[in-house]
Amino acid sequence: MKFHVKFTYGSENREKVLQLLHQGALKSEATVKAERIWIAIGAGVGFAILETNDEKALYQLGVTWSDFGELEFTPIIESKNI
């Protein structure tokens, strides 16, 4: 299943968040695939499209990143599949 993730972080965590993304932190999750990641520089907001069938891994990813800000997960499907 695919998920749209909105991640809001404070300015105090900006450098740490960018560092983790540059190090491939989302890509290190074996069962959670980060298809795309976007950062709105200066706005404290990031977006990602994640794909996984492993609910526990998705939960763990959320727990890890919640140290740096708030996450909003929304299950999504491609319109061609409707």
PDB file of N, CA and C in Angstrom:
ATOM      1  N   MET A   1       0.837  -1.169   0.000  1.00  0.00           N
ATOM      2  CA  MET A   1       0.000   0.000   0.000  1.00  0.00           C
ATOM      3  C   MET A   1       0.885   1.237   0.000  1.00  0.00           C
ATOM      4  N   LYS A   2       0.374   2.305  -0.609  1.00  0.00           N
ATOM      5  CA  LYS A   2       1.113   3.567  -0.665  1.00  0.00           C
ATOM      6  C   LYS A   2       0.530   4.563   0.333  1.00  0.00           C
ATOM      7  N   PHE A   3       1.423   5.425   0.825  1.00  0.00           N
ATOM      8  CA  PHE A   3       1.036   6.440   1.799  1.00  0.00           C
ATOM      9  C   PHE A   3       1.640   7.784   1.411  1.00  0.00           C
ATOM     10  N   HIS A   4       0.822   8.826   1.523  1.00  0.00           N
ATOM     11  CA  HIS A   4       1.322  10.196   1.405  1.00  0.00           C
ATOM     12  C   HIS A   4       1.638  10.624   2.830  1.00  0.00           C
ATOM     13  N   VAL A   5       2.839  11.118   3.042  1.00  0.00           N
ATOM     14  CA  VAL A   5       3.256  11.528   4.379  1.00  0.00           C
ATOM     15  C   VAL A   5       3.576  13.017   4.365  1.00  0.00           C
ATOM     16  N   LYS A   6       2.963  13.728   5.288  1.00  0.00           N
ATOM     17  CA  LYS A   6       3.289  15.140   5.509  1.00  0.00           C
ATOM     18  C   LYS A   6       4.046  15.205   6.825  1.00  0.00           C
ATOM     19  N   PHE A   7       5.215  15.807   6.787  1.00  0.00           N
ATOM     20  CA  PHE A   7       6.077  15.887   7.954  1.00  0.00           C
ATOM     21  C   PHE A   7       6.348  17.356   8.254  1.00  0.00           C
ATOM     22  N   THR A   8       5.948  17.804   9.436  1.00  0.00           N
ATOM     23  CA  THR A   8       6.156  19.187   9.855  1.00  0.00           C
ATOM     24  C   THR A   8       7.194  19.194  10.972  1.00  0.00           C
ATOM     25  N   TYR A   9       8.224  20.011  10.802  1.00  0.00           N
ATOM     26  CA  TYR A   9       9.297  20.050  11.796  1.00  0.00           C
ATOM     27  C   TYR A   9       9.644  21.499  12.137  1.00  0.00           C
ATOM     28  N   GLY A  10      10.158  21.688  13.344  1.00  0.00           N
ATOM     29  CA  GLY A  10      10.530  23.024  13.798  1.00  0.00           C
ATOM     30  C   GLY A  10      11.906  23.425  13.293  1.00  0.00           C
ATOM     31  N   SER A  11      12.165  24.713  13.299  1.00  0.00           N
ATOM     32  CA  SER A  11      13.450  25.221  12.798  1.00  0.00           C
ATOM     33  C   SER A  11      14.629  24.652  13.583  1.00  0.00           C
ATOM     34  N   GLU A  12      14.410  24.301  14.839  1.00  0.00           N
ATOM     35  CA  GLU A  12      15.492  23.738  15.651  1.00  0.00           C
ATOM     36  C   GLU A  12      15.919  22.354  15.152  1.00  0.00           C
ATOM     37  N   ASN A  13      15.066  21.682  14.377  1.00  0.00           N
ATOM     38  CA  ASN A  13      15.386  20.350  13.854  1.00  0.00           C
ATOM     39  C   ASN A  13      15.726  20.342  12.365  1.00  0.00           C
ATOM     40  N   ARG A  14      15.698  21.494  11.722  1.00  0.00           N
ATOM     41  CA  ARG A  14      15.891  21.568  10.267  1.00  0.00           C
ATOM     42  C   ARG A  14      17.188  20.891   9.816  1.00  0.00           C
ATOM     43  N   GLU A  15      18.310  21.238  10.429  1.00  0.00           N
ATOM     44  CA  GLU A  15      19.598  20.680   9.995  1.00  0.00           C
ATOM     45  C   GLU A  15      19.659  19.175  10.219  1.00  0.00           C
ATOM     46  N   LYS A  16      19.125  18.705  11.332  1.00  0.00           N
ATOM     47  CA  LYS A  16      19.129  17.263  11.617  1.00  0.00           C
ATOM     48  C   LYS A  16      18.262  16.519  10.605  1.00  0.00           C
ATOM     49  N   VAL A  17      17.097  17.058  10.278  1.00  0.00           N
ATOM     50  CA  VAL A  17      16.200  16.433   9.302  1.00  0.00           C
ATOM     51  C   VAL A  17      16.880  16.356   7.938  1.00  0.00           C
ATOM     52  N   LEU A  18      17.469  17.456   7.495  1.00  0.00           N
ATOM     53  CA  LEU A  18      18.146  17.462   6.196  1.00  0.00           C
ATOM     54  C   LEU A  18      19.330  16.502   6.185  1.00  0.00           C
ATOM     55  N   GLN A  19      20.064  16.448   7.282  1.00  0.00           N
ATOM     56  CA  GLN A  19      21.198  15.528   7.387  1.00  0.00           C
ATOM     57  C   GLN A  19      20.727  14.078   7.270  1.00  0.00           C
ATOM     58  N   LEU A  20      19.666  13.732   7.966  1.00  0.00           N
ATOM     59  CA  LEU A  20      19.137  12.367   7.904  1.00  0.00           C
ATOM     60  C   LEU A  20      18.666  12.013   6.497  1.00  0.00           C
ATOM     61  N   LEU A  21      18.007  12.954   5.833  1.00  0.00           N
ATOM     62  CA  LEU A  21      17.547  12.696   4.469  1.00  0.00           C
ATOM     63  C   LEU A  21      18.720  12.518   3.516  1.00  0.00           C
ATOM     64  N   HIS A  22      19.754  13.343   3.660  1.00  0.00           N
ATOM     65  CA  HIS A  22      20.935  13.226   2.797  1.00  0.00           C
ATOM     66  C   HIS A  22      21.674  11.915   3.041  1.00  0.00           C
ATOM     67  N   GLN A  23      21.571  11.389   4.252  1.00  0.00           N
ATOM     68  CA  GLN A  23      22.202  10.111   4.582  1.00  0.00           C
ATOM     69  C   GLN A  23      21.343   8.933   4.144  1.00  0.00           C
ATOM     70  N   GLY A  24      20.169   9.210   3.593  1.00  0.00           N
ATOM     71  CA  GLY A  24      19.288   8.150   3.120  1.00  0.00           C
ATOM     72  C   GLY A  24      18.497   7.472   4.215  1.00  0.00           C
ATOM     73  N   ALA A  25      18.161   8.200   5.267  1.00  0.00           N
ATOM     74  CA  ALA A  25      17.464   7.611   6.416  1.00  0.00           C
ATOM     75  C   ALA A  25      16.170   6.904   6.025  1.00  0.00           C
ATOM     76  N   LEU A  26      15.391   7.483   5.128  1.00  0.00           N
ATOM     77  CA  LEU A  26      14.145   6.823   4.720  1.00  0.00           C
ATOM     78  C   LEU A  26      14.416   5.609   3.852  1.00  0.00           C
ATOM     79  N   LYS A  27      15.492   5.635   3.110  1.00  0.00           N
ATOM     80  CA  LYS A  27      15.802   4.527   2.216  1.00  0.00           C
ATOM     81  C   LYS A  27      16.394   3.336   2.954  1.00  0.00           C
ATOM     82  N   SER A  28      16.783   3.528   4.214  1.00  0.00           N
ATOM     83  CA  SER A  28      17.389   2.437   4.966  1.00  0.00           C
ATOM     84  C   SER A  28      16.349   1.459   5.507  1.00  0.00           C
ATOM     85  N   GLU A  29      15.094   1.854   5.468  1.00  0.00           N
ATOM     86  CA  GLU A  29      14.033   0.960   5.924  1.00  0.00           C
ATOM     87  C   GLU A  29      13.787  -0.094   4.844  1.00  0.00           C
ATOM     88  N   ALA A  30      14.186  -1.333   5.115  1.00  0.00           N
ATOM     89  CA  ALA A  30      14.154  -2.393   4.105  1.00  0.00           C
ATOM     90  C   ALA A  30      12.758  -2.658   3.555  1.00  0.00           C
ATOM     91  N   THR A  31      11.746  -2.598   4.398  1.00  0.00           N
ATOM     92  CA  THR A  31      10.401  -2.947   3.935  1.00  0.00           C
ATOM     93  C   THR A  31       9.526  -1.735   3.650  1.00  0.00           C
ATOM     94  N   VAL A  32      10.073  -0.546   3.826  1.00  0.00           N
ATOM     95  CA  VAL A  32       9.354   0.683   3.488  1.00  0.00           C
ATOM     96  C   VAL A  32      10.137   1.382   2.383  1.00  0.00           C
ATOM     97  N   LYS A  33       9.535   1.481   1.212  1.00  0.00           N
ATOM     98  CA  LYS A  33      10.202   2.107   0.072  1.00  0.00           C
ATOM     99  C   LYS A  33       9.759   3.565  -0.041  1.00  0.00           C
ATOM    100  N   ALA A  34      10.730   4.467  -0.028  1.00  0.00           N
ATOM    101  CA  ALA A  34      10.443   5.887  -0.244  1.00  0.00           C
ATOM    102  C   ALA A  34      10.500   6.147  -1.742  1.00  0.00           C
ATOM    103  N   GLU A  35       9.326   6.314  -2.360  1.00  0.00           N
ATOM    104  CA  GLU A  35       9.287   6.545  -3.805  1.00  0.00           C
ATOM    105  C   GLU A  35       9.753   7.944  -4.161  1.00  0.00           C
ATOM    106  N   ARG A  36       9.295   8.940  -3.427  1.00  0.00           N
ATOM    107  CA  ARG A  36       9.669  10.340  -3.677  1.00  0.00           C
ATOM    108  C   ARG A  36       9.665  11.081  -2.351  1.00  0.00           C
ATOM    109  N   ILE A  37      10.554  12.075  -2.241  1.00  0.00           N
ATOM    110  CA  ILE A  37      10.630  12.918  -1.048  1.00  0.00           C
ATOM    111  C   ILE A  37      10.799  14.363  -1.508  1.00  0.00           C
ATOM    112  N   TRP A  38      10.013  15.257  -0.928  1.00  0.00           N
ATOM    113  CA  TRP A  38      10.100  16.685  -1.234  1.00  0.00           C
ATOM    114  C   TRP A  38      10.220  17.458   0.071  1.00  0.00           C
ATOM    115  N   ILE A  39      11.010  18.516   0.052  1.00  0.00           N
ATOM    116  CA  ILE A  39      11.138  19.406   1.201  1.00  0.00           C
ATOM    117  C   ILE A  39      10.803  20.823   0.751  1.00  0.00           C
ATOM    118  N   ALA A  40       9.926  21.488   1.480  1.00  0.00           N
ATOM    119  CA  ALA A  40       9.628  22.899   1.227  1.00  0.00           C
ATOM    120  C   ALA A  40      10.610  23.701   2.073  1.00  0.00           C
ATOM    121  N   ILE A  41      11.723  24.064   1.466  1.00  0.00           N
ATOM    122  CA  ILE A  41      12.793  24.748   2.193  1.00  0.00           C
ATOM    123  C   ILE A  41      12.268  26.047   2.809  1.00  0.00           C
ATOM    124  N   GLY A  42      12.603  26.230   4.071  1.00  0.00           N
ATOM    125  CA  GLY A  42      12.192  27.439   4.776  1.00  0.00           C
ATOM    126  C   GLY A  42      10.793  27.375   5.350  1.00  0.00           C
ATOM    127  N   ALA A  43      10.039  26.339   4.987  1.00  0.00           N
ATOM    128  CA  ALA A  43       8.657  26.238   5.461  1.00  0.00           C
ATOM    129  C   ALA A  43       8.506  25.241   6.603  1.00  0.00           C
ATOM    130  N   GLY A  44       9.521  24.410   6.835  1.00  0.00           N
ATOM    131  CA  GLY A  44       9.439  23.415   7.891  1.00  0.00           C
ATOM    132  C   GLY A  44       8.482  22.286   7.577  1.00  0.00           C
ATOM    133  N   VAL A  45       8.326  21.987   6.272  1.00  0.00           N
ATOM    134  CA  VAL A  45       7.402  20.937   5.854  1.00  0.00           C
ATOM    135  C   VAL A  45       8.087  20.051   4.818  1.00  0.00           C
ATOM    136  N   GLY A  46       7.856  18.759   4.944  1.00  0.00           N
ATOM    137  CA  GLY A  46       8.335  17.807   3.956  1.00  0.00           C
ATOM    138  C   GLY A  46       7.200  16.875   3.572  1.00  0.00           C
ATOM    139  N   PHE A  47       7.317  16.289   2.387  1.00  0.00           N
ATOM    140  CA  PHE A  47       6.311  15.355   1.892  1.00  0.00           C
ATOM    141  C   PHE A  47       7.021  14.133   1.333  1.00  0.00           C
ATOM    142  N   ALA A  48       6.380  12.986   1.430  1.00  0.00           N
ATOM    143  CA  ALA A  48       6.952  11.763   0.866  1.00  0.00           C
ATOM    144  C   ALA A  48       5.831  10.850   0.403  1.00  0.00           C
ATOM    145  N   ILE A  49       6.166  10.026  -0.568  1.00  0.00           N
ATOM    146  CA  ILE A  49       5.305   8.918  -0.970  1.00  0.00           C
ATOM    147  C   ILE A  49       6.045   7.656  -0.555  1.00  0.00           C
ATOM    148  N   LEU A  50       5.445   6.898   0.349  1.00  0.00           N
ATOM    149  CA  LEU A  50       6.038   5.658   0.842  1.00  0.00           C
ATOM    150  C   LEU A  50       5.195   4.480   0.396  1.00  0.00           C
ATOM    151  N   GLU A  51       5.847   3.341   0.202  1.00  0.00           N
ATOM    152  CA  GLU A  51       5.118   2.129  -0.149  1.00  0.00           C
ATOM    153  C   GLU A  51       5.583   0.999   0.760  1.00  0.00           C
ATOM    154  N   THR A  52       4.622   0.280   1.329  1.00  0.00           N
ATOM    155  CA  THR A  52       4.941  -0.848   2.192  1.00  0.00           C
ATOM    156  C   THR A  52       3.705  -1.709   2.428  1.00  0.00           C
ATOM    157  N   ASN A  53       3.940  -2.949   2.762  1.00  0.00           N
ATOM    158  CA  ASN A  53       2.883  -3.837   3.245  1.00  0.00           C
ATOM    159  C   ASN A  53       3.174  -4.238   4.686  1.00  0.00           C
ATOM    160  N   ASP A  54       4.213  -3.656   5.245  1.00  0.00           N
ATOM    161  CA  ASP A  54       4.662  -3.980   6.593  1.00  0.00           C
ATOM    162  C   ASP A  54       4.225  -2.870   7.552  1.00  0.00           C
ATOM    163  N   GLU A  55       3.094  -3.077   8.199  1.00  0.00           N
ATOM    164  CA  GLU A  55       2.537  -2.065   9.102  1.00  0.00           C
ATOM    165  C   GLU A  55       3.467  -1.753  10.266  1.00  0.00           C
ATOM    166  N   LYS A  56       4.130  -2.774  10.780  1.00  0.00           N
ATOM    167  CA  LYS A  56       5.036  -2.580  11.911  1.00  0.00           C
ATOM    168  C   LYS A  56       6.222  -1.690  11.516  1.00  0.00           C
ATOM    169  N   ALA A  57       6.775  -1.909  10.331  1.00  0.00           N
ATOM    170  CA  ALA A  57       7.900  -1.091   9.856  1.00  0.00           C
ATOM    171  C   ALA A  57       7.461   0.355   9.641  1.00  0.00           C
ATOM    172  N   LEU A  58       6.253   0.551   9.126  1.00  0.00           N
ATOM    173  CA  LEU A  58       5.732   1.902   8.922  1.00  0.00           C
ATOM    174  C   LEU A  58       5.546   2.603  10.270  1.00  0.00           C
ATOM    175  N   TYR A  59       5.019   1.874  11.241  1.00  0.00           N
ATOM    176  CA  TYR A  59       4.857   2.421  12.589  1.00  0.00           C
ATOM    177  C   TYR A  59       6.218   2.813  13.172  1.00  0.00           C
ATOM    178  N   GLN A  60       7.204   1.926  13.031  1.00  0.00           N
ATOM    179  CA  GLN A  60       8.531   2.195  13.580  1.00  0.00           C
ATOM    180  C   GLN A  60       9.171   3.411  12.919  1.00  0.00           C
ATOM    181  N   LEU A  61       8.979   3.551  11.624  1.00  0.00           N
ATOM    182  CA  LEU A  61       9.489   4.724  10.915  1.00  0.00           C
ATOM    183  C   LEU A  61       8.853   5.991  11.491  1.00  0.00           C
ATOM    184  N   GLY A  62       7.554   5.940  11.729  1.00  0.00           N
ATOM    185  CA  GLY A  62       6.854   7.080  12.317  1.00  0.00           C
ATOM    186  C   GLY A  62       7.365   7.419  13.702  1.00  0.00           C
ATOM    187  N   VAL A  63       7.623   6.403  14.507  1.00  0.00           N
ATOM    188  CA  VAL A  63       8.144   6.622  15.862  1.00  0.00           C
ATOM    189  C   VAL A  63       9.517   7.283  15.796  1.00  0.00           C
ATOM    190  N   THR A  64      10.367   6.796  14.910  1.00  0.00           N
ATOM    191  CA  THR A  64      11.717   7.342  14.772  1.00  0.00           C
ATOM    192  C   THR A  64      11.689   8.808  14.368  1.00  0.00           C
ATOM    193  N   TRP A  65      10.892   9.137  13.355  1.00  0.00           N
ATOM    194  CA  TRP A  65      10.854  10.506  12.849  1.00  0.00           C
ATOM    195  C   TRP A  65      10.041  11.442  13.740  1.00  0.00           C
ATOM    196  N   SER A  66       9.191  10.913  14.612  1.00  0.00           N
ATOM    197  CA  SER A  66       8.379  11.778  15.476  1.00  0.00           C
ATOM    198  C   SER A  66       9.234  12.536  16.491  1.00  0.00           C
ATOM    199  N   ASP A  67      10.471  12.106  16.689  1.00  0.00           N
ATOM    200  CA  ASP A  67      11.388  12.849  17.560  1.00  0.00           C
ATOM    201  C   ASP A  67      11.697  14.234  16.998  1.00  0.00           C
ATOM    202  N   PHE A  68      11.510  14.408  15.687  1.00  0.00           N
ATOM    203  CA  PHE A  68      11.894  15.652  15.023  1.00  0.00           C
ATOM    204  C   PHE A  68      10.711  16.512  14.602  1.00  0.00           C
ATOM    205  N   GLY A  69       9.497  15.970  14.673  1.00  0.00           N
ATOM    206  CA  GLY A  69       8.331  16.745  14.265  1.00  0.00           C
ATOM    207  C   GLY A  69       7.076  15.894  14.235  1.00  0.00           C
ATOM    208  N   GLU A  70       6.045  16.404  13.574  1.00  0.00           N
ATOM    209  CA  GLU A  70       4.763  15.712  13.486  1.00  0.00           C
ATOM    210  C   GLU A  70       4.592  15.090  12.107  1.00  0.00           C
ATOM    211  N   LEU A  71       4.037  13.885  12.090  1.00  0.00           N
ATOM    212  CA  LEU A  71       3.798  13.172  10.841  1.00  0.00           C
ATOM    213  C   LEU A  71       2.318  12.927  10.645  1.00  0.00           C
ATOM    214  N   GLU A  72       1.895  12.997   9.399  1.00  0.00           N
ATOM    215  CA  GLU A  72       0.513  12.722   9.016  1.00  0.00           C
ATOM    216  C   GLU A  72       0.558  11.708   7.878  1.00  0.00           C
ATOM    217  N   PHE A  73       0.095  10.481   8.123  1.00  0.00           N
ATOM    218  CA  PHE A  73       0.086   9.427   7.113  1.00  0.00           C
ATOM    219  C   PHE A  73      -1.306   9.325   6.502  1.00  0.00           C
ATOM    220  N   THR A  74      -1.390   9.340   5.177  1.00  0.00           N
ATOM    221  CA  THR A  74      -2.661   9.185   4.477  1.00  0.00           C
ATOM    222  C   THR A  74      -2.523   8.062   3.460  1.00  0.00           C
ATOM    223  N   PRO A  75      -3.310   6.976   3.601  1.00  0.00           N
ATOM    224  CA  PRO A  75      -3.261   5.914   2.593  1.00  0.00           C
ATOM    225  C   PRO A  75      -3.761   6.456   1.255  1.00  0.00           C
ATOM    226  N   ILE A  76      -3.084   6.100   0.171  1.00  0.00           N
ATOM    227  CA  ILE A  76      -3.478   6.581  -1.155  1.00  0.00           C
ATOM    228  C   ILE A  76      -3.478   5.431  -2.161  1.00  0.00           C
ATOM    229  N   ILE A  77      -4.245   5.608  -3.232  1.00  0.00           N
ATOM    230  CA  ILE A  77      -4.209   4.687  -4.363  1.00  0.00           C
ATOM    231  C   ILE A  77      -4.112   5.516  -5.635  1.00  0.00           C
ATOM    232  N   GLU A  78      -3.561   4.920  -6.665  1.00  0.00           N
ATOM    233  CA  GLU A  78      -3.451   5.621  -7.942  1.00  0.00           C
ATOM    234  C   GLU A  78      -4.821   5.679  -8.600  1.00  0.00           C
ATOM    235  N   SER A  79      -5.135   6.806  -9.208  1.00  0.00           N
ATOM    236  CA  SER A  79      -6.468   7.004  -9.789  1.00  0.00           C
ATOM    237  C   SER A  79      -6.784   5.986 -10.877  1.00  0.00           C
ATOM    238  N   LYS A  80      -5.758   5.485 -11.560  1.00  0.00           N
ATOM    239  CA  LYS A  80      -6.010   4.492 -12.606  1.00  0.00           C
ATOM    240  C   LYS A  80      -6.510   3.168 -12.028  1.00  0.00           C
ATOM    241  N   ASN A  81      -6.363   2.973 -10.717  1.00  0.00           N
ATOM    242  CA  ASN A  81      -6.814   1.743 -10.060  1.00  0.00           C
ATOM    243  C   ASN A  81      -8.236   1.845  -9.520  1.00  0.00           C
ATOM    244  N   ILE A  82      -8.881   2.986  -9.740  1.00  0.00           N
ATOM    245  CA  ILE A  82     -10.244   3.173  -9.224  1.00  0.00           C
ATOM    246  C   ILE A  82     -11.241   2.741 -10.273  1.00  0.00           C
TER     247      ILE A  82
END
